[in-house]
Amino acid sequence: MVFLRMVAVSCFWFGLQYWAMLVGYAGGGMARFDLLLPAWRAAGVSLAVVFPVAALGLWLAVSWGPVIWICAALGQVLMYTVWRDVFGSNILVPAMHALIVTVYALFRIALFLERREKASRVSSGLP
């Protein structure tokens, strides 16, 4: 639960960064929506919406939270790896997402193994 909330805070921060960029608050107004290239407009608006939604889902620990988060993270990874000629190269963001997704997967595997072991130890007490 603590891990999901930490990821939720980071997703909310990403969302705020995209909103600040789009409204001209960040970057001295040079990355306002009306000044962006169409690819950045699409990516910026999408991620400005998806990251806060993912943050809400992760914070509440609902089943759709990690799904939305993975979609947003995948979008950013694709931006900075596959389409780096359009969005620029930023190896830190894909590396960070890969690390956090790996830690999340390890937590899920550990939780699954713990629940499976606990279920196998349960006995009904009947002969």
N, C-alpha and C. Protein backbone atom coordinates (compact mmCIF):
# COMPACT_ATOMS: atom_id res chain seq x y z
N MET A 1 0.82 -1.19 0.00
CA MET A 1 0.00 0.00 0.00
C MET A 1 0.87 1.26 0.00
N VAL A 2 1.94 1.24 0.79
CA VAL A 2 2.83 2.40 0.85
C VAL A 2 3.50 2.61 -0.51
N PHE A 3 3.93 1.51 -1.13
CA PHE A 3 4.58 1.61 -2.44
C PHE A 3 3.62 2.22 -3.47
N LEU A 4 2.38 1.75 -3.49
CA LEU A 4 1.41 2.28 -4.44
C LEU A 4 1.16 3.77 -4.21
N ARG A 5 1.15 4.18 -2.97
CA ARG A 5 0.92 5.60 -2.69
C ARG A 5 2.12 6.45 -3.09
N MET A 6 3.33 5.90 -2.95
CA MET A 6 4.51 6.64 -3.42
C MET A 6 4.48 6.79 -4.94
N VAL A 7 4.08 5.73 -5.64
CA VAL A 7 3.95 5.81 -7.10
C VAL A 7 2.83 6.77 -7.46
N ALA A 8 1.75 6.79 -6.68
CA ALA A 8 0.64 7.72 -6.93
C ALA A 8 1.11 9.17 -6.82
N VAL A 9 1.92 9.47 -5.83
CA VAL A 9 2.44 10.83 -5.68
C VAL A 9 3.31 11.20 -6.88
N SER A 10 4.13 10.26 -7.34
CA SER A 10 4.97 10.56 -8.51
C SER A 10 4.11 10.75 -9.77
N CYS A 11 3.06 9.96 -9.91
CA CYS A 11 2.15 10.14 -11.06
C CYS A 11 1.46 11.50 -10.99
N PHE A 12 1.05 11.89 -9.81
CA PHE A 12 0.42 13.20 -9.66
C PHE A 12 1.41 14.31 -10.02
N TRP A 13 2.67 14.13 -9.63
CA TRP A 13 3.71 15.11 -9.95
C TRP A 13 3.91 15.19 -11.47
N PHE A 14 3.97 14.03 -12.13
CA PHE A 14 4.08 14.03 -13.59
C PHE A 14 2.90 14.77 -14.22
N GLY A 15 1.70 14.50 -13.73
CA GLY A 15 0.53 15.18 -14.26
C GLY A 15 0.61 16.68 -14.08
N LEU A 16 1.04 17.11 -12.90
CA LEU A 16 1.20 18.55 -12.65
C LEU A 16 2.24 19.17 -13.57
N GLN A 17 3.32 18.44 -13.84
CA GLN A 17 4.35 18.95 -14.75
C GLN A 17 3.79 19.14 -16.16
N TYR A 18 3.01 18.18 -16.61
CA TYR A 18 2.42 18.32 -17.95
C TYR A 18 1.41 19.47 -18.00
N TRP A 19 0.60 19.61 -16.96
CA TRP A 19 -0.35 20.73 -16.94
C TRP A 19 0.39 22.06 -16.90
N ALA A 20 1.45 22.14 -16.09
CA ALA A 20 2.23 23.38 -16.02
C ALA A 20 2.84 23.72 -17.38
N MET A 21 3.30 22.69 -18.08
CA MET A 21 3.86 22.91 -19.42
C MET A 21 2.78 23.43 -20.37
N LEU A 22 1.63 22.77 -20.37
CA LEU A 22 0.58 23.10 -21.34
C LEU A 22 -0.03 24.49 -21.13
N VAL A 23 -0.12 24.94 -19.89
CA VAL A 23 -0.71 26.26 -19.65
C VAL A 23 0.33 27.37 -19.66
N GLY A 24 1.60 27.02 -19.83
CA GLY A 24 2.64 28.03 -19.94
C GLY A 24 3.29 28.42 -18.64
N TYR A 25 2.98 27.73 -17.56
CA TYR A 25 3.58 28.06 -16.27
C TYR A 25 5.04 27.62 -16.21
N ALA A 26 5.35 26.46 -16.77
CA ALA A 26 6.72 25.94 -16.75
C ALA A 26 7.43 26.33 -18.04
N GLY A 27 8.74 26.40 -17.97
CA GLY A 27 9.54 26.67 -19.16
C GLY A 27 9.41 28.08 -19.69
N GLY A 28 9.01 28.99 -18.85
CA GLY A 28 8.90 30.37 -19.28
C GLY A 28 7.83 30.60 -20.33
N GLY A 29 6.87 29.69 -20.42
CA GLY A 29 5.79 29.84 -21.38
C GLY A 29 6.14 29.40 -22.79
N MET A 30 7.35 28.87 -22.97
CA MET A 30 7.78 28.45 -24.31
C MET A 30 7.17 27.12 -24.75
N ALA A 31 6.54 26.40 -23.82
CA ALA A 31 5.94 25.10 -24.16
C ALA A 31 4.43 25.12 -23.96
N ARG A 32 3.83 26.30 -24.15
CA ARG A 32 2.38 26.39 -24.06
C ARG A 32 1.74 25.54 -25.14
N PHE A 33 0.51 25.15 -24.89
CA PHE A 33 -0.21 24.29 -25.83
C PHE A 33 -0.22 24.87 -27.25
N ASP A 34 -0.49 26.15 -27.38
CA ASP A 34 -0.61 26.74 -28.71
C ASP A 34 0.73 26.86 -29.44
N LEU A 35 1.84 26.70 -28.72
CA LEU A 35 3.16 26.79 -29.34
C LEU A 35 3.77 25.42 -29.63
N LEU A 36 3.13 24.36 -29.18
CA LEU A 36 3.70 23.02 -29.32
C LEU A 36 3.45 22.43 -30.70
N LEU A 37 4.33 21.51 -31.08
CA LEU A 37 4.12 20.71 -32.28
C LEU A 37 2.94 19.77 -32.04
N PRO A 38 2.27 19.34 -33.10
CA PRO A 38 1.11 18.46 -32.92
C PRO A 38 1.40 17.18 -32.12
N ALA A 39 2.57 16.59 -32.31
CA ALA A 39 2.90 15.38 -31.55
C ALA A 39 2.99 15.68 -30.05
N TRP A 40 3.61 16.80 -29.70
CA TRP A 40 3.70 17.18 -28.30
C TRP A 40 2.33 17.57 -27.74
N ARG A 41 1.49 18.16 -28.56
CA ARG A 41 0.14 18.49 -28.10
C ARG A 41 -0.61 17.22 -27.70
N ALA A 42 -0.57 16.23 -28.59
CA ALA A 42 -1.28 14.97 -28.32
C ALA A 42 -0.71 14.28 -27.08
N ALA A 43 0.60 14.18 -27.02
CA ALA A 43 1.23 13.50 -25.88
C ALA A 43 1.02 14.28 -24.59
N GLY A 44 1.20 15.58 -24.64
CA GLY A 44 1.07 16.39 -23.44
C GLY A 44 -0.32 16.36 -22.85
N VAL A 45 -1.32 16.54 -23.70
CA VAL A 45 -2.71 16.52 -23.22
C VAL A 45 -3.08 15.14 -22.69
N SER A 46 -2.69 14.10 -23.42
CA SER A 46 -3.01 12.74 -22.97
C SER A 46 -2.39 12.44 -21.62
N LEU A 47 -1.11 12.74 -21.47
CA LEU A 47 -0.44 12.42 -20.21
C LEU A 47 -0.87 13.35 -19.08
N ALA A 48 -1.26 14.58 -19.41
CA ALA A 48 -1.76 15.49 -18.38
C ALA A 48 -3.07 14.99 -17.77
N VAL A 49 -3.82 14.21 -18.54
CA VAL A 49 -5.07 13.64 -18.03
C VAL A 49 -4.83 12.26 -17.41
N VAL A 50 -4.04 11.44 -18.08
CA VAL A 50 -3.88 10.04 -17.66
C VAL A 50 -3.09 9.93 -16.35
N PHE A 51 -2.04 10.71 -16.17
CA PHE A 51 -1.24 10.58 -14.95
C PHE A 51 -2.04 10.90 -13.68
N PRO A 52 -2.81 12.00 -13.62
CA PRO A 52 -3.61 12.21 -12.40
C PRO A 52 -4.68 11.13 -12.17
N VAL A 53 -5.26 10.61 -13.25
CA VAL A 53 -6.23 9.52 -13.10
C VAL A 53 -5.54 8.29 -12.53
N ALA A 54 -4.35 7.99 -13.05
CA ALA A 54 -3.57 6.87 -12.51
C ALA A 54 -3.22 7.10 -11.05
N ALA A 55 -2.87 8.34 -10.71
CA ALA A 55 -2.54 8.66 -9.32
C ALA A 55 -3.73 8.38 -8.41
N LEU A 56 -4.91 8.77 -8.84
CA LEU A 56 -6.11 8.51 -8.04
C LEU A 56 -6.33 7.01 -7.87
N GLY A 57 -6.22 6.26 -8.95
CA GLY A 57 -6.42 4.82 -8.88
C GLY A 57 -5.39 4.12 -8.01
N LEU A 58 -4.15 4.57 -8.08
CA LEU A 58 -3.11 3.97 -7.24
C LEU A 58 -3.31 4.35 -5.77
N TRP A 59 -3.67 5.59 -5.52
CA TRP A 59 -3.87 6.04 -4.14
C TRP A 59 -5.01 5.27 -3.46
N LEU A 60 -6.07 5.05 -4.22
CA LEU A 60 -7.22 4.32 -3.68
C LEU A 60 -7.02 2.81 -3.71
N ALA A 61 -5.95 2.36 -4.34
CA ALA A 61 -5.61 0.93 -4.45
C ALA A 61 -6.72 0.14 -5.13
N VAL A 62 -7.30 0.72 -6.17
CA VAL A 62 -8.32 0.01 -6.94
C VAL A 62 -7.64 -0.74 -8.08
N SER A 63 -8.34 -1.71 -8.64
CA SER A 63 -7.73 -2.60 -9.62
C SER A 63 -7.31 -1.88 -10.91
N TRP A 64 -8.00 -0.83 -11.29
CA TRP A 64 -7.67 -0.15 -12.53
C TRP A 64 -6.52 0.84 -12.38
N GLY A 65 -6.12 1.16 -11.17
CA GLY A 65 -5.03 2.12 -10.96
C GLY A 65 -3.71 1.70 -11.60
N PRO A 66 -3.23 0.49 -11.29
CA PRO A 66 -1.98 0.06 -11.93
C PRO A 66 -2.08 -0.06 -13.45
N VAL A 67 -3.25 -0.40 -13.96
CA VAL A 67 -3.42 -0.53 -15.41
C VAL A 67 -3.25 0.83 -16.08
N ILE A 68 -3.90 1.85 -15.54
CA ILE A 68 -3.78 3.19 -16.10
C ILE A 68 -2.35 3.70 -15.96
N TRP A 69 -1.73 3.42 -14.82
CA TRP A 69 -0.35 3.83 -14.60
C TRP A 69 0.59 3.19 -15.61
N ILE A 70 0.43 1.89 -15.86
CA ILE A 70 1.28 1.19 -16.84
C ILE A 70 1.08 1.79 -18.23
N CYS A 71 -0.15 2.12 -18.58
CA CYS A 71 -0.41 2.74 -19.88
C CYS A 71 0.29 4.10 -20.00
N ALA A 72 0.20 4.91 -18.96
CA ALA A 72 0.86 6.22 -18.97
C ALA A 72 2.38 6.06 -19.03
N ALA A 73 2.91 5.14 -18.24
CA ALA A 73 4.36 4.91 -18.24
C ALA A 73 4.81 4.41 -19.60
N LEU A 74 4.05 3.50 -20.19
CA LEU A 74 4.39 2.99 -21.52
C LEU A 74 4.37 4.12 -22.55
N GLY A 75 3.41 5.02 -22.43
CA GLY A 75 3.37 6.17 -23.33
C GLY A 75 4.63 7.01 -23.24
N GLN A 76 5.07 7.28 -22.02
CA GLN A 76 6.29 8.06 -21.85
C GLN A 76 7.52 7.30 -22.35
N VAL A 77 7.57 6.01 -22.07
CA VAL A 77 8.71 5.21 -22.54
C VAL A 77 8.77 5.23 -24.07
N LEU A 78 7.63 5.07 -24.72
CA LEU A 78 7.60 5.12 -26.18
C LEU A 78 8.02 6.49 -26.70
N MET A 79 7.58 7.55 -26.02
CA MET A 79 7.95 8.90 -26.43
C MET A 79 9.46 9.07 -26.48
N TYR A 80 10.13 8.64 -25.41
CA TYR A 80 11.55 8.92 -25.27
C TYR A 80 12.47 7.83 -25.82
N THR A 81 11.91 6.76 -26.34
CA THR A 81 12.75 5.72 -26.94
C THR A 81 12.43 5.54 -28.42
N VAL A 82 11.20 5.17 -28.73
CA VAL A 82 10.83 4.89 -30.12
C VAL A 82 10.77 6.18 -30.94
N TRP A 83 10.15 7.21 -30.39
CA TRP A 83 9.99 8.47 -31.12
C TRP A 83 10.90 9.56 -30.58
N ARG A 84 12.14 9.21 -30.29
CA ARG A 84 13.06 10.19 -29.71
C ARG A 84 13.41 11.31 -30.69
N ASP A 85 13.26 11.08 -32.00
CA ASP A 85 13.51 12.16 -32.96
C ASP A 85 12.44 13.25 -32.87
N VAL A 86 11.26 12.91 -32.37
CA VAL A 86 10.18 13.89 -32.21
C VAL A 86 10.21 14.51 -30.81
N PHE A 87 10.36 13.66 -29.78
CA PHE A 87 10.24 14.10 -28.39
C PHE A 87 11.58 14.32 -27.69
N GLY A 88 12.67 13.98 -28.34
CA GLY A 88 13.97 14.09 -27.71
C GLY A 88 14.31 12.83 -26.94
N SER A 89 15.53 12.74 -26.54
CA SER A 89 15.99 11.55 -25.81
C SER A 89 16.10 11.88 -24.33
N ASN A 90 15.45 11.09 -23.52
CA ASN A 90 15.52 11.25 -22.07
C ASN A 90 15.56 9.85 -21.48
N ILE A 91 16.74 9.31 -21.30
CA ILE A 91 16.90 7.93 -20.86
C ILE A 91 16.50 7.74 -19.40
N LEU A 92 16.50 8.81 -18.63
CA LEU A 92 16.16 8.70 -17.20
C LEU A 92 14.70 8.29 -17.00
N VAL A 93 13.79 8.83 -17.77
CA VAL A 93 12.37 8.52 -17.59
C VAL A 93 12.07 7.06 -17.91
N PRO A 94 12.50 6.51 -19.06
CA PRO A 94 12.25 5.08 -19.29
C PRO A 94 12.93 4.18 -18.26
N ALA A 95 14.14 4.54 -17.85
CA ALA A 95 14.84 3.72 -16.84
C ALA A 95 14.09 3.74 -15.52
N MET A 96 13.60 4.91 -15.12
CA MET A 96 12.85 5.01 -13.87
C MET A 96 11.56 4.20 -13.94
N HIS A 97 10.84 4.30 -15.06
CA HIS A 97 9.61 3.52 -15.21
C HIS A 97 9.91 2.03 -15.18
N ALA A 98 10.97 1.60 -15.84
CA ALA A 98 11.33 0.18 -15.85
C ALA A 98 11.65 -0.30 -14.44
N LEU A 99 12.37 0.49 -13.68
CA LEU A 99 12.71 0.12 -12.31
C LEU A 99 11.46 0.00 -11.44
N ILE A 100 10.58 0.98 -11.53
CA ILE A 100 9.38 0.97 -10.69
C ILE A 100 8.44 -0.16 -11.09
N VAL A 101 8.30 -0.42 -12.38
CA VAL A 101 7.45 -1.53 -12.82
C VAL A 101 8.03 -2.86 -12.36
N THR A 102 9.36 -2.99 -12.39
CA THR A 102 10.00 -4.22 -11.91
C THR A 102 9.76 -4.42 -10.42
N VAL A 103 9.91 -3.37 -9.63
CA VAL A 103 9.65 -3.47 -8.19
C VAL A 103 8.19 -3.83 -7.94
N TYR A 104 7.28 -3.20 -8.69
CA TYR A 104 5.85 -3.51 -8.55
C TYR A 104 5.59 -4.98 -8.87
N ALA A 105 6.19 -5.47 -9.96
CA ALA A 105 6.00 -6.88 -10.34
C ALA A 105 6.54 -7.81 -9.26
N LEU A 106 7.68 -7.48 -8.68
CA LEU A 106 8.25 -8.31 -7.61
C LEU A 106 7.34 -8.32 -6.38
N PHE A 107 6.77 -7.18 -6.04
CA PHE A 107 5.82 -7.13 -4.92
C PHE A 107 4.59 -7.99 -5.22
N ARG A 108 4.07 -7.91 -6.44
CA ARG A 108 2.90 -8.72 -6.80
C ARG A 108 3.21 -10.21 -6.75
N ILE A 109 4.39 -10.61 -7.22
CA ILE A 109 4.79 -12.02 -7.18
C ILE A 109 4.93 -12.49 -5.74
N ALA A 110 5.57 -11.68 -4.90
CA ALA A 110 5.73 -12.04 -3.49
C ALA A 110 4.38 -12.17 -2.80
N LEU A 111 3.46 -11.27 -3.10
CA LEU A 111 2.12 -11.34 -2.52
C LEU A 111 1.38 -12.58 -2.99
N PHE A 112 1.50 -12.92 -4.26
CA PHE A 112 0.87 -14.12 -4.79
C PHE A 112 1.42 -15.37 -4.11
N LEU A 113 2.74 -15.46 -3.97
CA LEU A 113 3.35 -16.63 -3.33
C LEU A 113 2.95 -16.74 -1.86
N GLU A 114 2.88 -15.61 -1.18
CA GLU A 114 2.47 -15.62 0.23
C GLU A 114 1.02 -16.10 0.37
N ARG A 115 0.14 -15.60 -0.48
CA ARG A 115 -1.27 -16.02 -0.41
C ARG A 115 -1.42 -17.50 -0.76
N ARG A 116 -0.65 -17.98 -1.73
CA ARG A 116 -0.73 -19.39 -2.12
C ARG A 116 -0.24 -20.28 -0.99
N GLU A 117 0.84 -19.88 -0.33
CA GLU A 117 1.36 -20.67 0.79
C GLU A 117 0.38 -20.66 1.95
N LYS A 118 -0.20 -19.51 2.23
CA LYS A 118 -1.17 -19.41 3.32
C LYS A 118 -2.40 -20.27 3.03
N ALA A 119 -2.84 -20.31 1.79
CA ALA A 119 -4.01 -21.12 1.42
C ALA A 119 -3.70 -22.61 1.54
N SER A 120 -2.48 -23.01 1.27
CA SER A 120 -2.14 -24.43 1.35
C SER A 120 -1.99 -24.88 2.80
N ARG A 121 -1.73 -23.98 3.73
CA ARG A 121 -1.60 -24.33 5.14
C ARG A 121 -2.94 -24.40 5.85
N VAL A 122 -3.95 -23.83 5.28
CA VAL A 122 -5.26 -23.82 5.92
C VAL A 122 -5.85 -25.23 5.86
N SER A 123 -6.30 -25.69 7.00
CA SER A 123 -6.97 -27.00 7.03
C SER A 123 -8.34 -26.83 7.65
N SER A 124 -9.23 -27.69 7.28
CA SER A 124 -10.59 -27.59 7.78
C SER A 124 -10.74 -28.22 9.16
N GLY A 125 -9.78 -29.02 9.58
CA GLY A 125 -9.86 -29.68 10.87
C GLY A 125 -10.67 -30.96 10.83
N LEU A 126 -11.17 -31.31 9.68
CA LEU A 126 -11.94 -32.55 9.54
C LEU A 126 -10.99 -33.71 9.21
N PRO A 127 -11.36 -34.93 9.67
CA PRO A 127 -10.49 -36.09 9.37
C PRO A 127 -10.51 -36.50 7.93
